[in-house]
């Protein structure tokens, strides 16, 4: 396993990490979570991603129980969680980044995860109503109280992140250091567009999510939606149009010969492609069984095989033109 610095910080994250979205509690109990986390940890994964809203808080509960049973040395791994949507109904309890919500949120997450602190906390989405200054102060305080070590953003616009950084610098507060954007062959505009100059100028870290586009890039949806897949889960019907769109399936089919030529699976190709981007600190992978973890962890072996010619071929499949051609 190789490690990359998380942006401008001194902390290093494994280039491949493991996330609990969708799977923990919904598809994996504590025993299964332990098995998958162990499979990742044994090959060098040191970053495990979570969020308050995942499975209504139960994802944090499952991960916390797994970590307690695994008894790993606390300094050997990093854990994250994220706040915005909330898990309770009522005013000030959902869809916000106000001070009350954030301070109560971290307390609840630490209790569910049975941890004294988490390494990273994110603002899971931007809040268009709470002043960014209020959010920055709350995140700073959480770090000062030792409940988290670093904080970042997820799916924020570059302008919003810059504003947060400038507020923190003005008041000598802990600045956000990392963004968690979606990044895969179907969703690349933000990371390869608006963010490029921002990442270069600020050396902001990235922990990218959904490298396989909710499983679409594995090829499992080429003949419909398997019952045991993410798309087959109750409550995820909103994914069906995306997972069954003929244009998307055609691109995945065209990608299969490229993977075969490289000697890797479609999943490994999709993850390796994400790792090829130098602005990516770590790629968050997901799995519902141990065999998927083993397969995903081997993706790093194929990064060097992605030559400029192969990357151009992939761009052609997804209709991406080089700047000089536009």
Protein backbone atom coordinates (compact mmCIF):
# COMPACT_ATOMS: atom_id res chain seq x y z
CA UNK A 1 0.00 0.00 0.00
CA UNK A 2 1.23 3.47 -0.85
CA UNK A 3 0.41 6.53 1.23
CA UNK A 4 -0.25 10.12 0.20
CA UNK A 5 -0.28 13.28 2.26
CA UNK A 6 -3.74 14.64 2.91
CA UNK A 7 -3.27 17.88 1.03
CA UNK A 8 -1.08 20.34 2.89
CA UNK A 9 -1.31 18.50 6.23
CA UNK A 10 1.31 16.24 7.78
CA UNK A 11 -1.09 13.30 7.99
CA UNK A 12 -0.75 10.44 5.49
CA UNK A 13 -3.64 8.36 4.20
CA UNK A 14 -3.53 5.07 2.34
CA UNK A 15 -4.17 5.73 -1.35
CA UNK A 16 -7.05 3.26 -1.11
CA UNK A 17 -9.43 3.55 1.83
CA UNK A 18 -12.65 1.87 2.96
CA UNK A 19 -16.09 3.43 3.41
CA UNK A 20 -19.32 2.24 5.01
CA UNK A 21 -21.94 4.07 2.92
CA UNK A 22 -24.91 1.84 1.99
CA UNK A 23 -23.35 -1.39 3.24
CA UNK A 24 -22.94 -1.13 7.03
CA UNK A 25 -26.18 -2.16 8.76
CA UNK A 26 -28.04 -2.36 5.43
CA UNK A 27 -25.93 -5.19 4.01
CA UNK A 28 -23.30 -5.90 6.66
CA UNK A 29 -23.64 -6.63 10.36
CA UNK A 30 -20.82 -6.18 12.88
CA UNK A 31 -19.21 -9.52 12.04
CA UNK A 32 -19.21 -8.81 8.30
CA UNK A 33 -17.92 -5.29 8.92
CA UNK A 34 -15.04 -6.69 10.99
CA UNK A 35 -14.13 -9.13 8.23
CA UNK A 36 -14.11 -6.48 5.51
CA UNK A 37 -12.32 -3.86 7.60
CA UNK A 38 -9.69 -6.46 8.59
CA UNK A 39 -9.15 -7.44 4.94
CA UNK A 40 -8.51 -3.78 4.11
CA UNK A 41 -6.39 -3.08 7.21
CA UNK A 42 -4.17 -6.11 6.60
CA UNK A 43 -3.03 -4.73 3.23
CA UNK A 44 -2.31 -1.28 4.64
CA UNK A 45 -5.59 0.66 4.56
CA UNK A 46 -5.51 3.21 7.39
CA UNK A 47 -8.57 5.38 6.61
CA UNK A 48 -12.16 4.31 7.31
CA UNK A 49 -14.93 6.67 6.22
CA UNK A 50 -18.39 7.08 7.75
CA UNK A 51 -21.14 9.68 8.19
CA UNK A 52 -23.79 10.53 10.74
CA UNK A 53 -26.61 10.03 8.23
CA UNK A 54 -25.54 6.61 6.91
CA UNK A 55 -28.24 4.10 7.83
CA UNK A 56 -29.71 6.68 10.20
CA UNK A 57 -26.68 6.53 12.51
CA UNK A 58 -26.48 2.73 12.52
CA UNK A 59 -23.47 2.71 10.19
CA UNK A 60 -21.48 4.53 12.87
CA UNK A 61 -22.79 2.09 15.48
CA UNK A 62 -21.69 -0.92 13.42
CA UNK A 63 -18.24 0.53 12.71
CA UNK A 64 -17.79 1.49 16.35
CA UNK A 65 -18.67 -2.04 17.51
CA UNK A 66 -16.32 -3.52 14.92
CA UNK A 67 -13.43 -1.29 16.00
CA UNK A 68 -14.01 -2.21 19.63
CA UNK A 69 -13.83 -5.91 18.81
CA UNK A 70 -10.82 -5.54 16.51
CA UNK A 71 -8.78 -3.76 19.21
CA UNK A 72 -6.42 -2.10 16.75
CA UNK A 73 -3.94 0.41 18.10
CA UNK A 74 -5.72 3.78 17.82
CA UNK A 75 -2.72 5.46 16.27
CA UNK A 76 -2.70 3.00 13.37
CA UNK A 77 -5.93 4.10 11.69
CA UNK A 78 -7.99 7.17 10.81
CA UNK A 79 -11.77 7.44 11.13
CA UNK A 80 -14.03 10.12 9.67
CA UNK A 81 -17.63 11.17 9.94
CA UNK A 82 -19.75 13.85 8.30
CA UNK A 83 -22.58 16.19 9.26
CA UNK A 84 -25.41 17.96 7.47
CA UNK A 85 -28.57 15.90 6.89
CA UNK A 86 -29.04 14.76 10.48
CA UNK A 87 -30.82 11.68 11.81
CA UNK A 88 -33.67 13.32 13.75
CA UNK A 89 -36.72 15.28 12.67
CA UNK A 90 -37.28 18.82 13.84
CA UNK A 91 -35.95 22.34 13.50
CA UNK A 92 -32.18 22.69 13.95
CA UNK A 93 -31.82 18.91 13.67
CA UNK A 94 -31.45 18.37 9.93
CA UNK A 95 -30.14 20.00 6.74
CA UNK A 96 -27.97 22.50 8.57
CA UNK A 97 -24.42 23.35 9.65
CA UNK A 98 -25.34 25.64 12.51
CA UNK A 99 -23.30 25.58 15.71
CA UNK A 100 -25.91 23.73 17.80
CA UNK A 101 -26.30 20.96 15.25
CA UNK A 102 -22.56 20.43 14.75
CA UNK A 103 -21.65 20.35 18.44
CA UNK A 104 -24.50 18.00 19.29
CA UNK A 105 -23.71 15.98 16.17
CA UNK A 106 -20.10 15.20 17.06
CA UNK A 107 -21.15 14.17 20.57
CA UNK A 108 -23.66 11.68 19.15
CA UNK A 109 -21.21 10.29 16.61
CA UNK A 110 -18.50 9.71 19.20
CA UNK A 111 -21.00 7.90 21.41
CA UNK A 112 -22.17 5.64 18.57
CA UNK A 113 -18.62 4.91 17.44
CA UNK A 114 -17.35 4.41 21.00
CA UNK A 115 -14.37 6.68 20.30
CA UNK A 116 -12.78 9.55 22.21
CA UNK A 117 -12.19 11.40 18.93
CA UNK A 118 -12.40 11.01 15.17
CA UNK A 119 -9.56 12.03 12.90
CA UNK A 120 -11.62 13.84 10.27
CA UNK A 121 -14.99 15.56 10.28
CA UNK A 122 -16.68 16.92 7.20
CA UNK A 123 -19.45 19.33 6.43
CA UNK A 124 -21.34 16.80 4.31
CA UNK A 125 -22.91 19.44 2.06
CA UNK A 126 -22.85 23.26 2.03
CA UNK A 127 -25.51 25.07 4.06
CA UNK A 128 -26.92 28.01 2.13
CA UNK A 129 -28.58 29.54 5.21
CA UNK A 130 -26.05 29.33 8.05
CA UNK A 131 -23.23 31.89 7.73
CA UNK A 132 -19.99 30.12 6.81
CA UNK A 133 -18.27 31.98 9.65
CA UNK A 134 -20.54 30.26 12.20
CA UNK A 135 -19.72 26.86 10.73
CA UNK A 136 -15.98 27.56 10.68
CA UNK A 137 -16.00 28.60 14.34
CA UNK A 138 -17.93 25.47 15.37
CA UNK A 139 -15.58 23.15 13.49
CA UNK A 140 -12.60 24.97 15.00
CA UNK A 141 -14.02 24.53 18.50
CA UNK A 142 -14.62 20.81 17.95
CA UNK A 143 -10.96 20.42 17.04
CA UNK A 144 -9.82 22.56 19.98
CA UNK A 145 -11.85 20.33 22.32
CA UNK A 146 -10.02 17.27 20.98
CA UNK A 147 -13.12 15.65 19.50
CA UNK A 148 -11.64 15.74 15.98
CA UNK A 149 -8.18 16.44 14.55
CA UNK A 150 -8.91 17.88 11.10
CA UNK A 151 -11.98 19.13 9.27
CA UNK A 152 -13.07 19.41 5.69
CA UNK A 153 -15.92 19.78 3.23
CA UNK A 154 -17.90 17.55 0.88
CA UNK A 155 -19.38 18.69 -2.41
CA UNK A 156 -18.75 22.36 -1.63
CA UNK A 157 -18.09 24.80 -4.45
CA UNK A 158 -14.51 26.02 -4.69
CA UNK A 159 -15.67 29.56 -3.87
CA UNK A 160 -17.32 28.36 -0.65
CA UNK A 161 -14.18 26.51 0.43
CA UNK A 162 -12.02 29.55 -0.27
CA UNK A 163 -14.36 31.69 1.82
CA UNK A 164 -14.09 29.20 4.72
CA UNK A 165 -10.29 29.18 4.46
CA UNK A 166 -10.12 32.97 4.39
CA UNK A 167 -12.40 33.28 7.44
CA UNK A 168 -10.23 30.79 9.33
CA UNK A 169 -7.04 32.62 8.37
CA UNK A 170 -8.51 35.98 9.39
CA UNK A 171 -9.39 34.72 12.87
CA UNK A 172 -6.45 32.29 13.26
CA UNK A 173 -8.77 29.27 13.36
CA UNK A 174 -8.29 25.68 12.19
CA UNK A 175 -8.82 25.73 8.43
CA UNK A 176 -10.61 23.10 6.36
CA UNK A 177 -7.97 20.90 4.74
CA UNK A 178 -9.82 18.33 2.64
CA UNK A 179 -12.75 17.97 0.25
CA UNK A 180 -14.73 14.78 -0.33
CA UNK A 181 -16.10 14.96 -3.90
CA UNK A 182 -17.64 12.28 -6.04
CA UNK A 183 -15.11 11.20 -8.65
CA UNK A 184 -15.39 8.48 -11.27
CA UNK A 185 -15.48 8.07 -15.03
CA UNK A 186 -19.09 9.26 -15.13
CA UNK A 187 -18.60 12.17 -12.69
CA UNK A 188 -15.36 14.02 -13.29
CA UNK A 189 -16.28 17.59 -14.20
CA UNK A 190 -15.82 19.19 -10.78
CA UNK A 191 -12.53 17.56 -9.84
CA UNK A 192 -11.06 18.05 -13.29
CA UNK A 193 -12.66 21.46 -13.83
CA UNK A 194 -13.45 24.09 -11.20
CA UNK A 195 -11.27 22.47 -8.56
CA UNK A 196 -8.00 22.13 -10.47
CA UNK A 197 -6.63 25.62 -9.91
CA UNK A 198 -8.00 25.61 -6.36
CA UNK A 199 -6.29 22.33 -5.46
CA UNK A 200 -3.03 23.52 -6.98
CA UNK A 201 -3.07 26.90 -5.23
CA UNK A 202 -4.27 25.71 -1.81
CA UNK A 203 -2.93 22.12 -1.85
CA UNK A 204 -6.30 21.01 -0.55
CA UNK A 205 -6.64 17.27 0.06
CA UNK A 206 -9.27 15.00 -1.50
CA UNK A 207 -10.90 11.81 -0.25
CA UNK A 208 -12.94 10.87 -3.30
CA UNK A 209 -16.10 8.75 -3.14
CA UNK A 210 -18.04 6.42 -5.47
CA UNK A 211 -15.12 5.42 -7.74
CA UNK A 212 -17.33 2.75 -9.32
CA UNK A 213 -20.37 5.01 -9.80
CA UNK A 214 -22.59 3.04 -7.39
CA UNK A 215 -21.37 -0.20 -8.95
CA UNK A 216 -22.19 0.76 -12.54
CA UNK A 217 -18.51 0.53 -13.52
CA UNK A 218 -18.24 -3.06 -12.30
CA UNK A 219 -20.45 -4.27 -15.14
CA UNK A 220 -22.91 -5.92 -12.75
CA UNK A 221 -25.86 -3.94 -14.17
CA UNK A 222 -25.32 -4.84 -17.82
CA UNK A 223 -28.21 -7.33 -17.75
CA UNK A 224 -30.51 -5.70 -15.22
CA UNK A 225 -30.41 -5.00 -11.49
CA UNK A 226 -29.29 -7.98 -9.34
CA UNK A 227 -31.35 -8.44 -6.18
CA UNK A 228 -28.25 -8.46 -3.97
CA UNK A 229 -26.79 -5.27 -5.47
CA UNK A 230 -26.98 -1.69 -4.24
CA UNK A 231 -29.59 -0.94 -6.86
CA UNK A 232 -31.66 -3.82 -5.52
CA UNK A 233 -31.81 -2.47 -1.98
CA UNK A 234 -35.04 -1.02 -0.61
CA UNK A 235 -34.91 2.76 -0.72
CA UNK A 236 -32.40 2.94 -3.57
CA UNK A 237 -34.88 2.88 -6.43
CA UNK A 238 -33.77 6.43 -7.25
CA UNK A 239 -30.60 4.88 -8.69
CA UNK A 240 -32.46 2.74 -11.23
CA UNK A 241 -32.63 5.28 -14.11
CA UNK A 242 -28.90 5.93 -13.76
CA UNK A 243 -27.96 2.24 -13.51
CA UNK A 244 -30.11 1.15 -16.46
CA UNK A 245 -29.55 4.06 -18.86
CA UNK A 246 -28.60 2.61 -22.23
CA UNK A 247 -25.94 5.24 -22.89
CA UNK A 248 -24.19 4.46 -19.58
CA UNK A 249 -24.31 0.70 -20.15
CA UNK A 250 -22.85 1.14 -23.64
CA UNK A 251 -19.86 2.99 -22.22
CA UNK A 252 -19.26 0.27 -19.64
CA UNK A 253 -19.44 -2.37 -22.39
CA UNK A 254 -16.90 -0.43 -24.46
CA UNK A 255 -14.60 -0.29 -21.43
CA UNK A 256 -14.49 -4.09 -21.03
CA UNK A 257 -11.90 -4.70 -23.82
CA UNK A 258 -9.62 -2.10 -22.21
CA UNK A 259 -9.77 -3.90 -18.88
CA UNK A 260 -9.13 -7.27 -20.54
CA UNK A 261 -6.11 -5.87 -22.38
CA UNK A 262 -4.66 -4.64 -19.08
CA UNK A 263 -5.47 -7.92 -17.33
CA UNK A 264 -7.71 -6.38 -14.69
CA UNK A 265 -11.41 -6.32 -13.83
CA UNK A 266 -13.67 -3.40 -14.70
CA UNK A 267 -13.77 -2.48 -11.01
CA UNK A 268 -10.00 -2.42 -10.74
CA UNK A 269 -9.75 -0.29 -13.87
CA UNK A 270 -12.26 2.23 -12.50
CA UNK A 271 -10.43 2.56 -9.19
CA UNK A 272 -6.98 2.71 -10.80
CA UNK A 273 -8.21 5.48 -13.11
CA UNK A 274 -9.18 7.56 -10.06
CA UNK A 275 -5.78 6.96 -8.46
CA UNK A 276 -4.08 8.23 -11.60
CA UNK A 277 -5.17 11.78 -10.74
CA UNK A 278 -2.38 13.46 -8.69
CA UNK A 279 -4.92 15.64 -6.84
CA UNK A 280 -6.52 12.54 -5.28
CA UNK A 281 -5.29 11.85 -1.74
CA UNK A 282 -7.25 8.63 -1.34
CA UNK A 283 -9.99 6.74 -3.15
CA UNK A 284 -12.74 5.54 -0.81
CA UNK A 285 -13.79 2.04 -1.83
CA UNK A 286 -16.85 0.16 -0.66
CA UNK A 287 -17.80 -3.49 -0.48
CA UNK A 288 -20.53 -5.80 0.76
CA UNK A 289 -18.30 -8.88 1.04
CA UNK A 290 -14.63 -9.69 1.63
CA UNK A 291 -13.97 -10.90 -1.93
CA UNK A 292 -14.81 -7.41 -3.21
CA UNK A 293 -12.34 -5.87 -0.76
CA UNK A 294 -9.57 -8.15 -2.04
CA UNK A 295 -10.40 -7.29 -5.64
CA UNK A 296 -10.55 -3.55 -5.01
CA UNK A 297 -7.27 -3.47 -3.10
CA UNK A 298 -5.42 -4.87 -6.11
CA UNK A 299 -6.47 -1.91 -8.26
CA UNK A 300 -3.33 0.06 -7.37
CA UNK A 301 -1.26 -2.53 -9.24
CA UNK A 302 -2.68 -1.28 -12.55
CA UNK A 303 -2.11 2.47 -12.18
CA UNK A 304 1.21 2.40 -14.04
CA UNK A 305 -0.44 0.47 -16.88
CA UNK A 306 -2.66 3.49 -17.56
CA UNK A 307 -0.37 5.06 -20.13
CA UNK A 308 -1.31 8.26 -21.97
CA UNK A 309 -2.52 6.09 -24.85
CA UNK A 310 -4.79 4.05 -22.59
CA UNK A 311 -6.10 7.19 -20.88
CA UNK A 312 -6.86 8.70 -24.30
CA UNK A 313 -8.76 5.55 -25.27
CA UNK A 314 -10.82 5.76 -22.08
CA UNK A 315 -11.51 9.45 -22.67
CA UNK A 316 -12.72 8.58 -26.15
CA UNK A 317 -15.19 6.04 -24.76
CA UNK A 318 -16.62 8.63 -22.37
CA UNK A 319 -16.66 11.41 -24.95
CA UNK A 320 -14.05 13.58 -23.25
CA UNK A 321 -12.09 15.83 -25.56
CA UNK A 322 -8.69 17.33 -24.87
CA UNK A 323 -8.57 21.08 -24.38
CA UNK A 324 -6.69 21.67 -27.61
CA UNK A 325 -9.44 19.87 -29.51
CA UNK A 326 -12.20 22.06 -28.14
